[in-house]
Structure formats: structure tokens, C-alpha cells
């Protein structure tokens, strides 16, 4: 038998066994409660860190992420309007089709 096939079969057996075990563990309320609490704490810490970083950037006069996103949104709007105006201008500048040229 090919060594790769042997390894693959043993890996598949290991994966199936561990998947069943972890599925049972992850459905256990004794695991889910603390995991949820830990995730909530991490998210609160991240939010506080993000606020502190934004205040730090603002304090030294640099644009925050929100400021940059707002500016990018406005720039996208301006580009869209410019493209629309350029299309209208191109339509106005295009030579009209002459009936004589169609003959």
C-alpha cells in the first residue's frame, strides 16, 4: 500500500474520532457558558482599545479610521458624479448621425 494512502486513512480515522469528541464537548453547557463570557470580555476589550486608538489619532491631529471611511465615501460619490458628467459631455460632443452618411 502507498505510504500516502496509509497516512490519509489514519488521518481520516483520527479526524472522525476527534470530530465526534469535540462536537460533544462544544455542546456541553459547562463549556459554552465560560466560552461565551470569555468572548464577550474579548469583544469589550477590543471595543475599548479601538476607541482609545481613535482618540489617540485624533489627539495628534491625524484622521481616524472613521474619518478616512467618510472621506472615501465622499470621494466615491464625486467619482460617480464625474463619470456621469463625462458621459453626458461625450454624448453632447459626439457628431450627430447624418442621414446622408447612412445612404
PDB file of N, CA and C in Angstrom:
ATOM      1  N   UNK A   1       0.840  -1.174   0.000  1.00  0.00           N
ATOM      2  CA  UNK A   1       0.000   0.000   0.000  1.00  0.00           C
ATOM      3  C   UNK A   1       0.892   1.248   0.000  1.00  0.00           C
ATOM      4  N   UNK A   2       0.445   2.226  -0.675  1.00  0.00           N
ATOM      5  CA  UNK A   2       1.131   3.507  -0.807  1.00  0.00           C
ATOM      6  C   UNK A   2       1.218   4.189   0.570  1.00  0.00           C
ATOM      7  N   UNK A   3       2.381   4.724   0.940  1.00  0.00           N
ATOM      8  CA  UNK A   3       2.500   5.403   2.245  1.00  0.00           C
ATOM      9  C   UNK A   3       1.523   6.585   2.387  1.00  0.00           C
ATOM     10  N   UNK A   4       1.299   7.267   1.293  1.00  0.00           N
ATOM     11  CA  UNK A   4       0.366   8.397   1.341  1.00  0.00           C
ATOM     12  C   UNK A   4      -1.040   7.917   1.676  1.00  0.00           C
ATOM     13  N   UNK A   5      -1.474   6.844   1.055  1.00  0.00           N
ATOM     14  CA  UNK A   5      -2.802   6.304   1.317  1.00  0.00           C
ATOM     15  C   UNK A   5      -2.935   5.847   2.764  1.00  0.00           C
ATOM     16  N   UNK A   6      -1.882   5.213   3.293  1.00  0.00           N
ATOM     17  CA  UNK A   6      -1.897   4.786   4.696  1.00  0.00           C
ATOM     18  C   UNK A   6      -2.028   5.989   5.624  1.00  0.00           C
ATOM     19  N   UNK A   7      -1.246   7.027   5.341  1.00  0.00           N
ATOM     20  CA  UNK A   7      -1.312   8.232   6.164  1.00  0.00           C
ATOM     21  C   UNK A   7      -2.688   8.867   6.073  1.00  0.00           C
ATOM     22  N   UNK A   8      -3.234   8.949   4.867  1.00  0.00           N
ATOM     23  CA  UNK A   8      -4.543   9.570   4.648  1.00  0.00           C
ATOM     24  C   UNK A   8      -5.631   8.806   5.396  1.00  0.00           C
ATOM     25  N   UNK A   9      -5.600   7.484   5.344  1.00  0.00           N
ATOM     26  CA  UNK A   9      -6.610   6.687   6.045  1.00  0.00           C
ATOM     27  C   UNK A   9      -6.494   6.871   7.555  1.00  0.00           C
ATOM     28  N   UNK A  10      -5.278   6.874   8.062  1.00  0.00           N
ATOM     29  CA  UNK A  10      -5.116   7.066   9.508  1.00  0.00           C
ATOM     30  C   UNK A  10      -5.553   8.472   9.925  1.00  0.00           C
ATOM     31  N   UNK A  11      -5.280   9.451   9.087  1.00  0.00           N
ATOM     32  CA  UNK A  11      -5.720  10.813   9.379  1.00  0.00           C
ATOM     33  C   UNK A  11      -7.233  10.892   9.394  1.00  0.00           C
ATOM     34  N   UNK A  12      -7.894  10.253   8.432  1.00  0.00           N
ATOM     35  CA  UNK A  12      -9.354  10.268   8.371  1.00  0.00           C
ATOM     36  C   UNK A  12      -9.959   9.649   9.624  1.00  0.00           C
ATOM     37  N   UNK A  13      -9.396   8.530  10.089  1.00  0.00           N
ATOM     38  CA  UNK A  13      -9.889   7.887  11.312  1.00  0.00           C
ATOM     39  C   UNK A  13      -9.708   8.820  12.499  1.00  0.00           C
ATOM     40  N   UNK A  14      -8.521   9.434  12.617  1.00  0.00           N
ATOM     41  CA  UNK A  14      -8.260  10.377  13.704  1.00  0.00           C
ATOM     42  C   UNK A  14      -9.224  11.550  13.653  1.00  0.00           C
ATOM     43  N   UNK A  15      -9.451  12.093  12.461  1.00  0.00           N
ATOM     44  CA  UNK A  15     -10.317  13.267  12.299  1.00  0.00           C
ATOM     45  C   UNK A  15     -11.751  12.929  12.691  1.00  0.00           C
ATOM     46  N   UNK A  16     -12.256  11.778  12.292  1.00  0.00           N
ATOM     47  CA  UNK A  16     -13.625  11.384  12.630  1.00  0.00           C
ATOM     48  C   UNK A  16     -13.785  11.205  14.141  1.00  0.00           C
ATOM     49  N   UNK A  17     -12.788  10.588  14.776  1.00  0.00           N
ATOM     50  CA  UNK A  17     -12.845  10.357  16.220  1.00  0.00           C
ATOM     51  C   UNK A  17     -12.812  11.675  16.988  1.00  0.00           C
ATOM     52  N   UNK A  18     -11.905  12.553  16.619  1.00  0.00           N
ATOM     53  CA  UNK A  18     -11.797  13.831  17.332  1.00  0.00           C
ATOM     54  C   UNK A  18     -12.994  14.726  17.037  1.00  0.00           C
ATOM     55  N   UNK A  19     -13.539  14.663  15.833  1.00  0.00           N
ATOM     56  CA  UNK A  19     -14.701  15.479  15.496  1.00  0.00           C
ATOM     57  C   UNK A  19     -15.889  15.095  16.378  1.00  0.00           C
ATOM     58  N   UNK A  20     -16.111  13.804  16.568  1.00  0.00           N
ATOM     59  CA  UNK A  20     -17.214  13.362  17.438  1.00  0.00           C
ATOM     60  C   UNK A  20     -17.000  13.852  18.869  1.00  0.00           C
ATOM     61  N   UNK A  21     -15.767  13.725  19.354  1.00  0.00           N
ATOM     62  CA  UNK A  21     -15.452  14.153  20.713  1.00  0.00           C
ATOM     63  C   UNK A  21     -15.672  15.659  20.882  1.00  0.00           C
ATOM     64  N   UNK A  22     -15.121  16.464  19.971  1.00  0.00           N
ATOM     65  CA  UNK A  22     -15.246  17.910  20.091  1.00  0.00           C
ATOM     66  C   UNK A  22     -16.677  18.379  19.893  1.00  0.00           C
ATOM     67  N   UNK A  23     -17.448  17.670  19.104  1.00  0.00           N
ATOM     68  CA  UNK A  23     -18.851  18.018  18.931  1.00  0.00           C
ATOM     69  C   UNK A  23     -19.582  17.870  20.269  1.00  0.00           C
ATOM     70  N   UNK A  24     -19.296  16.805  21.003  1.00  0.00           N
ATOM     71  CA  UNK A  24     -19.906  16.610  22.320  1.00  0.00           C
ATOM     72  C   UNK A  24     -19.428  17.676  23.303  1.00  0.00           C
ATOM     73  N   UNK A  25     -18.145  17.966  23.265  1.00  0.00           N
ATOM     74  CA  UNK A  25     -17.595  18.967  24.179  1.00  0.00           C
ATOM     75  C   UNK A  25     -18.201  20.336  23.910  1.00  0.00           C
ATOM     76  N   UNK A  26     -18.329  20.706  22.634  1.00  0.00           N
ATOM     77  CA  UNK A  26     -18.821  22.034  22.284  1.00  0.00           C
ATOM     78  C   UNK A  26     -20.321  22.196  22.518  1.00  0.00           C
ATOM     79  N   UNK A  27     -21.041  21.101  22.754  1.00  0.00           N
ATOM     80  CA  UNK A  27     -22.460  21.193  23.076  1.00  0.00           C
ATOM     81  C   UNK A  27     -22.696  21.198  24.583  1.00  0.00           C
ATOM     82  N   UNK A  28     -21.648  21.037  25.349  1.00  0.00           N
ATOM     83  CA  UNK A  28     -21.740  20.973  26.799  1.00  0.00           C
ATOM     84  C   UNK A  28     -21.910  22.384  27.365  1.00  0.00           C
ATOM     85  N   UNK A  29     -22.973  22.639  28.130  1.00  0.00           N
ATOM     86  CA  UNK A  29     -23.181  23.970  28.718  1.00  0.00           C
ATOM     87  C   UNK A  29     -22.030  24.411  29.627  1.00  0.00           C
ATOM     88  N   UNK A  30     -21.319  23.463  30.218  1.00  0.00           N
ATOM     89  CA  UNK A  30     -20.190  23.822  31.081  1.00  0.00           C
ATOM     90  C   UNK A  30     -19.049  24.427  30.273  1.00  0.00           C
ATOM     91  N   UNK A  31     -19.019  24.168  28.988  1.00  0.00           N
ATOM     92  CA  UNK A  31     -18.001  24.748  28.111  1.00  0.00           C
ATOM     93  C   UNK A  31     -18.536  26.021  27.451  1.00  0.00           C
ATOM     94  N   UNK A  32     -19.792  25.981  27.014  1.00  0.00           N
ATOM     95  CA  UNK A  32     -20.362  27.110  26.281  1.00  0.00           C
ATOM     96  C   UNK A  32     -20.487  28.371  27.137  1.00  0.00           C
ATOM     97  N   UNK A  33     -20.879  28.231  28.380  1.00  0.00           N
ATOM     98  CA  UNK A  33     -21.042  29.412  29.249  1.00  0.00           C
ATOM     99  C   UNK A  33     -19.747  30.187  29.415  1.00  0.00           C
ATOM    100  N   UNK A  34     -18.689  29.542  29.905  1.00  0.00           N
ATOM    101  CA  UNK A  34     -17.422  30.278  30.049  1.00  0.00           C
ATOM    102  C   UNK A  34     -16.853  30.771  28.716  1.00  0.00           C
ATOM    103  N   UNK A  35     -17.047  29.991  27.650  1.00  0.00           N
ATOM    104  CA  UNK A  35     -16.544  30.436  26.341  1.00  0.00           C
ATOM    105  C   UNK A  35     -17.270  31.705  25.901  1.00  0.00           C
ATOM    106  N   UNK A  36     -18.573  31.770  26.129  1.00  0.00           N
ATOM    107  CA  UNK A  36     -19.335  32.976  25.794  1.00  0.00           C
ATOM    108  C   UNK A  36     -18.903  34.164  26.620  1.00  0.00           C
ATOM    109  N   UNK A  37     -18.660  33.932  27.896  1.00  0.00           N
ATOM    110  CA  UNK A  37     -18.192  35.003  28.780  1.00  0.00           C
ATOM    111  C   UNK A  37     -16.832  35.519  28.339  1.00  0.00           C
ATOM    112  N   UNK A  38     -15.956  34.603  27.984  1.00  0.00           N
ATOM    113  CA  UNK A  38     -14.620  34.990  27.522  1.00  0.00           C
ATOM    114  C   UNK A  38     -14.703  35.791  26.217  1.00  0.00           C
ATOM    115  N   UNK A  39     -15.546  35.352  25.299  1.00  0.00           N
ATOM    116  CA  UNK A  39     -15.709  36.065  24.030  1.00  0.00           C
ATOM    117  C   UNK A  39     -16.260  37.472  24.266  1.00  0.00           C
ATOM    118  N   UNK A  40     -17.227  37.588  25.168  1.00  0.00           N
ATOM    119  CA  UNK A  40     -17.783  38.905  25.495  1.00  0.00           C
ATOM    120  C   UNK A  40     -16.701  39.824  26.067  1.00  0.00           C
ATOM    121  N   UNK A  41     -15.876  39.285  26.944  1.00  0.00           N
ATOM    122  CA  UNK A  41     -14.795  40.084  27.532  1.00  0.00           C
ATOM    123  C   UNK A  41     -13.800  40.527  26.463  1.00  0.00           C
ATOM    124  N   UNK A  42     -13.447  39.629  25.548  1.00  0.00           N
ATOM    125  CA  UNK A  42     -12.537  39.995  24.462  1.00  0.00           C
ATOM    126  C   UNK A  42     -13.127  41.098  23.592  1.00  0.00           C
ATOM    127  N   UNK A  43     -14.411  40.997  23.275  1.00  0.00           N
ATOM    128  CA  UNK A  43     -15.038  41.998  22.407  1.00  0.00           C
ATOM    129  C   UNK A  43     -15.114  43.359  23.106  1.00  0.00           C
ATOM    130  N   UNK A  44     -15.396  43.366  24.409  1.00  0.00           N
ATOM    131  CA  UNK A  44     -15.415  44.631  25.146  1.00  0.00           C
ATOM    132  C   UNK A  44     -14.019  45.250  25.191  1.00  0.00           C
ATOM    133  N   UNK A  45     -13.007  44.413  25.369  1.00  0.00           N
ATOM    134  CA  UNK A  45     -11.623  44.891  25.378  1.00  0.00           C
ATOM    135  C   UNK A  45     -11.240  45.464  24.022  1.00  0.00           C
ATOM    136  N   UNK A  46     -11.635  44.772  22.956  1.00  0.00           N
ATOM    137  CA  UNK A  46     -11.332  45.257  21.601  1.00  0.00           C
ATOM    138  C   UNK A  46     -12.015  46.598  21.350  1.00  0.00           C
ATOM    139  N   UNK A  47     -13.278  46.730  21.743  1.00  0.00           N
ATOM    140  CA  UNK A  47     -14.005  47.983  21.534  1.00  0.00           C
ATOM    141  C   UNK A  47     -13.327  49.125  22.296  1.00  0.00           C
ATOM    142  N   UNK A  48     -12.922  48.864  23.545  1.00  0.00           N
ATOM    143  CA  UNK A  48     -12.246  49.902  24.335  1.00  0.00           C
ATOM    144  C   UNK A  48     -10.906  50.272  23.705  1.00  0.00           C
ATOM    145  N   UNK A  49     -10.189  49.279  23.216  1.00  0.00           N
ATOM    146  CA  UNK A  49      -8.902  49.542  22.561  1.00  0.00           C
ATOM    147  C   UNK A  49      -9.097  50.356  21.291  1.00  0.00           C
ATOM    148  N   UNK A  50     -10.098  49.997  20.492  1.00  0.00           N
ATOM    149  CA  UNK A  50     -10.378  50.750  19.256  1.00  0.00           C
ATOM    150  C   UNK A  50     -10.714  52.208  19.564  1.00  0.00           C
ATOM    151  N   UNK A  51     -11.517  52.425  20.602  1.00  0.00           N
ATOM    152  CA  UNK A  51     -11.858  53.808  20.985  1.00  0.00           C
ATOM    153  C   UNK A  51     -10.614  54.573  21.424  1.00  0.00           C
ATOM    154  N   UNK A  52      -9.766  53.937  22.217  1.00  0.00           N
ATOM    155  CA  UNK A  52      -8.549  54.596  22.701  1.00  0.00           C
ATOM    156  C   UNK A  52      -7.612  54.945  21.550  1.00  0.00           C
ATOM    157  N   UNK A  53      -7.475  54.036  20.607  1.00  0.00           N
ATOM    158  CA  UNK A  53      -6.602  54.296  19.451  1.00  0.00           C
ATOM    159  C   UNK A  53      -7.162  55.447  18.621  1.00  0.00           C
ATOM    160  N   UNK A  54      -8.481  55.455  18.395  1.00  0.00           N
ATOM    161  CA  UNK A  54      -9.092  56.542  17.620  1.00  0.00           C
ATOM    162  C   UNK A  54      -8.896  57.882  18.329  1.00  0.00           C
ATOM    163  N   UNK A  55      -9.062  57.894  19.639  1.00  0.00           N
ATOM    164  CA  UNK A  55      -8.857  59.138  20.386  1.00  0.00           C
ATOM    165  C   UNK A  55      -7.392  59.578  20.322  1.00  0.00           C
ATOM    166  N   UNK A  56      -6.493  58.617  20.352  1.00  0.00           N
ATOM    167  CA  UNK A  56      -5.070  58.945  20.241  1.00  0.00           C
ATOM    168  C   UNK A  56      -4.732  59.576  18.902  1.00  0.00           C
ATOM    169  N   UNK A  57      -5.252  58.984  17.815  1.00  0.00           N
ATOM    170  CA  UNK A  57      -5.012  59.560  16.488  1.00  0.00           C
ATOM    171  C   UNK A  57      -5.601  60.963  16.402  1.00  0.00           C
ATOM    172  N   UNK A  58      -6.825  61.112  16.918  1.00  0.00           N
ATOM    173  CA  UNK A  58      -7.478  62.426  16.861  1.00  0.00           C
ATOM    174  C   UNK A  58      -6.719  63.446  17.694  1.00  0.00           C
ATOM    175  N   UNK A  59      -6.161  63.021  18.821  1.00  0.00           N
ATOM    176  CA  UNK A  59      -5.440  63.947  19.701  1.00  0.00           C
ATOM    177  C   UNK A  59      -4.196  64.522  19.038  1.00  0.00           C
ATOM    178  N   UNK A  60      -3.562  63.751  18.164  1.00  0.00           N
ATOM    179  CA  UNK A  60      -2.364  64.284  17.496  1.00  0.00           C
ATOM    180  C   UNK A  60      -2.694  64.855  16.115  1.00  0.00           C
ATOM    181  N   UNK A  61      -3.992  64.930  15.817  1.00  0.00           N
ATOM    182  CA  UNK A  61      -4.418  65.617  14.604  1.00  0.00           C
ATOM    183  C   UNK A  61      -4.454  64.763  13.344  1.00  0.00           C
ATOM    184  N   UNK A  62      -4.407  63.460  13.494  1.00  0.00           N
ATOM    185  CA  UNK A  62      -4.478  62.589  12.321  1.00  0.00           C
ATOM    186  C   UNK A  62      -5.897  62.055  12.146  1.00  0.00           C
ATOM    187  N   UNK A  63      -6.223  61.720  10.922  1.00  0.00           N
ATOM    188  CA  UNK A  63      -7.558  61.210  10.630  1.00  0.00           C
ATOM    189  C   UNK A  63      -7.745  59.822  11.240  1.00  0.00           C
ATOM    190  N   UNK A  64      -8.890  59.637  11.850  1.00  0.00           N
ATOM    191  CA  UNK A  64      -9.220  58.325  12.394  1.00  0.00           C
ATOM    192  C   UNK A  64      -9.739  57.445  11.261  1.00  0.00           C
ATOM    193  N   UNK A  65      -9.942  56.192  11.560  1.00  0.00           N
ATOM    194  CA  UNK A  65     -10.473  55.261  10.551  1.00  0.00           C
ATOM    195  C   UNK A  65     -11.838  55.736  10.066  1.00  0.00           C
ATOM    196  N   UNK A  66     -12.659  56.190  10.991  1.00  0.00           N
ATOM    197  CA  UNK A  66     -13.993  56.669  10.612  1.00  0.00           C
ATOM    198  C   UNK A  66     -13.891  57.891   9.701  1.00  0.00           C
ATOM    199  N   UNK A  67     -12.975  58.803  10.010  1.00  0.00           N
ATOM    200  CA  UNK A  67     -12.766  59.973   9.159  1.00  0.00           C
ATOM    201  C   UNK A  67     -12.344  59.547   7.754  1.00  0.00           C
ATOM    202  N   UNK A  68     -11.434  58.581   7.680  1.00  0.00           N
ATOM    203  CA  UNK A  68     -10.962  58.102   6.384  1.00  0.00           C
ATOM    204  C   UNK A  68     -12.088  57.427   5.598  1.00  0.00           C
ATOM    205  N   UNK A  69     -12.917  56.652   6.291  1.00  0.00           N
ATOM    206  CA  UNK A  69     -14.035  55.997   5.611  1.00  0.00           C
ATOM    207  C   UNK A  69     -15.027  57.019   5.080  1.00  0.00           C
ATOM    208  N   UNK A  70     -15.297  58.064   5.872  1.00  0.00           N
ATOM    209  CA  UNK A  70     -16.194  59.125   5.411  1.00  0.00           C
ATOM    210  C   UNK A  70     -15.636  59.834   4.182  1.00  0.00           C
ATOM    211  N   UNK A  71     -14.344  60.132   4.220  1.00  0.00           N
ATOM    212  CA  UNK A  71     -13.711  60.808   3.084  1.00  0.00           C
ATOM    213  C   UNK A  71     -13.726  59.917   1.847  1.00  0.00           C
ATOM    214  N   UNK A  72     -13.483  58.634   2.021  1.00  0.00           N
ATOM    215  CA  UNK A  72     -13.509  57.705   0.896  1.00  0.00           C
ATOM    216  C   UNK A  72     -14.908  57.600   0.303  1.00  0.00           C
ATOM    217  N   UNK A  73     -15.924  57.589   1.151  1.00  0.00           N
ATOM    218  CA  UNK A  73     -17.311  57.544   0.668  1.00  0.00           C
ATOM    219  C   UNK A  73     -17.619  58.780  -0.164  1.00  0.00           C
ATOM    220  N   UNK A  74     -17.238  59.949   0.337  1.00  0.00           N
ATOM    221  CA  UNK A  74     -17.467  61.196  -0.419  1.00  0.00           C
ATOM    222  C   UNK A  74     -16.705  61.178  -1.739  1.00  0.00           C
ATOM    223  N   UNK A  75     -15.470  60.686  -1.724  1.00  0.00           N
ATOM    224  CA  UNK A  75     -14.676  60.597  -2.945  1.00  0.00           C
ATOM    225  C   UNK A  75     -15.344  59.668  -3.965  1.00  0.00           C
ATOM    226  N   UNK A  76     -15.876  58.558  -3.502  1.00  0.00           N
ATOM    227  CA  UNK A  76     -16.588  57.641  -4.398  1.00  0.00           C
ATOM    228  C   UNK A  76     -17.803  58.322  -5.019  1.00  0.00           C
ATOM    229  N   UNK A  77     -18.521  59.116  -4.216  1.00  0.00           N
ATOM    230  CA  UNK A  77     -19.678  59.844  -4.753  1.00  0.00           C
ATOM    231  C   UNK A  77     -19.242  60.846  -5.819  1.00  0.00           C
ATOM    232  N   UNK A  78     -18.164  61.555  -5.561  1.00  0.00           N
ATOM    233  CA  UNK A  78     -17.665  62.542  -6.521  1.00  0.00           C
ATOM    234  C   UNK A  78     -17.234  61.855  -7.813  1.00  0.00           C
ATOM    235  N   UNK A  79     -16.536  60.731  -7.703  1.00  0.00           N
ATOM    236  CA  UNK A  79     -16.102  59.993  -8.899  1.00  0.00           C
ATOM    237  C   UNK A  79     -17.290  59.514  -9.719  1.00  0.00           C
ATOM    238  N   UNK A  80     -18.335  59.042  -9.050  1.00  0.00           N
ATOM    239  CA  UNK A  80     -19.519  58.575  -9.766  1.00  0.00           C
ATOM    240  C   UNK A  80     -20.185  59.736 -10.507  1.00  0.00           C
ATOM    241  N   UNK A  81     -20.290  60.881  -9.846  1.00  0.00           N
ATOM    242  CA  UNK A  81     -20.909  62.045 -10.498  1.00  0.00           C
ATOM    243  C   UNK A  81     -20.056  62.541 -11.658  1.00  0.00           C
ATOM    244  N   UNK A  82     -18.734  62.513 -11.484  1.00  0.00           N
ATOM    245  CA  UNK A  82     -17.830  62.937 -12.547  1.00  0.00           C
ATOM    246  C   UNK A  82     -17.970  62.026 -13.762  1.00  0.00           C
ATOM    247  N   UNK A  83     -18.054  60.732 -13.527  1.00  0.00           N
ATOM    248  CA  UNK A  83     -18.217  59.792 -14.637  1.00  0.00           C
ATOM    249  C   UNK A  83     -19.530  60.053 -15.370  1.00  0.00           C
ATOM    250  N   UNK A  84     -20.567  60.369 -14.608  1.00  0.00           N
ATOM    251  CA  UNK A  84     -21.862  60.672 -15.219  1.00  0.00           C
ATOM    252  C   UNK A  84     -21.781  61.940 -16.074  1.00  0.00           C
ATOM    253  N   UNK A  85     -21.120  62.966 -15.557  1.00  0.00           N
ATOM    254  CA  UNK A  85     -20.964  64.224 -16.311  1.00  0.00           C
ATOM    255  C   UNK A  85     -20.118  63.992 -17.560  1.00  0.00           C
ATOM    256  N   UNK A  86     -19.053  63.197 -17.438  1.00  0.00           N
ATOM    257  CA  UNK A  86     -18.218  62.901 -18.604  1.00  0.00           C
ATOM    258  C   UNK A  86     -19.013  62.157 -19.673  1.00  0.00           C
ATOM    259  N   UNK A  87     -19.866  61.235 -19.262  1.00  0.00           N
ATOM    260  CA  UNK A  87     -20.703  60.516 -20.236  1.00  0.00           C
ATOM    261  C   UNK A  87     -21.663  61.464 -20.938  1.00  0.00           C
ATOM    262  N   UNK A  88     -22.285  62.358 -20.173  1.00  0.00           N
ATOM    263  CA  UNK A  88     -23.204  63.330 -20.786  1.00  0.00           C
ATOM    264  C   UNK A  88     -22.461  64.247 -21.753  1.00  0.00           C
ATOM    265  N   UNK A  89     -21.280  64.690 -21.361  1.00  0.00           N
ATOM    266  CA  UNK A  89     -20.482  65.565 -22.210  1.00  0.00           C
ATOM    267  C   UNK A  89     -20.071  64.840 -23.493  1.00  0.00           C
ATOM    268  N   UNK A  90     -19.694  63.578 -23.375  1.00  0.00           N
ATOM    269  CA  UNK A  90     -19.315  62.800 -24.558  1.00  0.00           C
ATOM    270  C   UNK A  90     -20.503  62.654 -25.496  1.00  0.00           C
ATOM    271  N   UNK A  91     -21.700  62.487 -24.937  1.00  0.00           N
ATOM    272  CA  UNK A  91     -22.902  62.374 -25.769  1.00  0.00           C
ATOM    273  C   UNK A  91     -23.183  63.681 -26.495  1.00  0.00           C
ATOM    274  N   UNK A  92     -22.948  64.807 -25.829  1.00  0.00           N
ATOM    275  CA  UNK A  92     -23.190  66.108 -26.445  1.00  0.00           C
ATOM    276  C   UNK A  92     -22.150  66.424 -27.523  1.00  0.00           C
ATOM    277  N   UNK A  93     -20.910  65.972 -27.315  1.00  0.00           N
ATOM    278  CA  UNK A  93     -19.842  66.277 -28.256  1.00  0.00           C
ATOM    279  C   UNK A  93     -19.815  65.331 -29.448  1.00  0.00           C
ATOM    280  N   UNK A  94     -20.491  64.212 -29.347  1.00  0.00           N
ATOM    281  CA  UNK A  94     -20.481  63.241 -30.444  1.00  0.00           C
ATOM    282  C   UNK A  94     -21.170  63.860 -31.652  1.00  0.00           C
ATOM    283  N   UNK A  95     -20.563  63.680 -32.838  1.00  0.00           N
ATOM    284  CA  UNK A  95     -21.198  64.261 -34.027  1.00  0.00           C
ATOM    285  C   UNK A  95     -22.529  63.572 -34.299  1.00  0.00           C
ATOM    286  N   UNK A  96     -23.538  64.366 -34.643  1.00  0.00           N
ATOM    287  CA  UNK A  96     -24.847  63.758 -34.909  1.00  0.00           C
ATOM    288  C   UNK A  96     -24.768  62.885 -36.160  1.00  0.00           C
ATOM    289  N   UNK A  97     -25.527  61.834 -36.158  1.00  0.00           N
ATOM    290  CA  UNK A  97     -25.547  60.942 -37.328  1.00  0.00           C
ATOM    291  C   UNK A  97     -26.291  61.657 -38.449  1.00  0.00           C
ATOM    292  N   UNK A  98     -25.684  61.652 -39.604  1.00  0.00           N
ATOM    293  CA  UNK A  98     -26.310  62.325 -40.753  1.00  0.00           C
ATOM    294  C   UNK A  98     -27.041  61.310 -41.593  1.00  0.00           C
ATOM    295  N   UNK A  99     -28.123  61.746 -42.105  1.00  0.00           N
ATOM    296  CA  UNK A  99     -28.904  60.848 -42.963  1.00  0.00           C
ATOM    297  C   UNK A  99     -28.146  60.553 -44.249  1.00  0.00           C
ATOM    298  N   UNK A 100     -27.347  61.519 -44.706  1.00  0.00           N
ATOM    299  CA  UNK A 100     -26.593  61.323 -45.941  1.00  0.00           C
ATOM    300  C   UNK A 100     -25.537  60.251 -45.747  1.00  0.00           C
ATOM    301  N   UNK A 101     -24.953  60.152 -44.554  1.00  0.00           N
ATOM    302  CA  UNK A 101     -23.922  59.162 -44.312  1.00  0.00           C
ATOM    303  C   UNK A 101     -24.523  57.769 -44.233  1.00  0.00           C
ATOM    304  N   UNK A 102     -25.768  57.689 -43.893  1.00  0.00           N
ATOM    305  CA  UNK A 102     -26.426  56.384 -43.791  1.00  0.00           C
ATOM    306  C   UNK A 102     -26.723  55.797 -45.159  1.00  0.00           C
ATOM    307  N   UNK A 103     -26.791  56.635 -46.222  1.00  0.00           N
ATOM    308  CA  UNK A 103     -27.115  56.150 -47.577  1.00  0.00           C
ATOM    309  C   UNK A 103     -26.044  55.342 -48.162  1.00  0.00           C
TER     310      UNK A 103
END
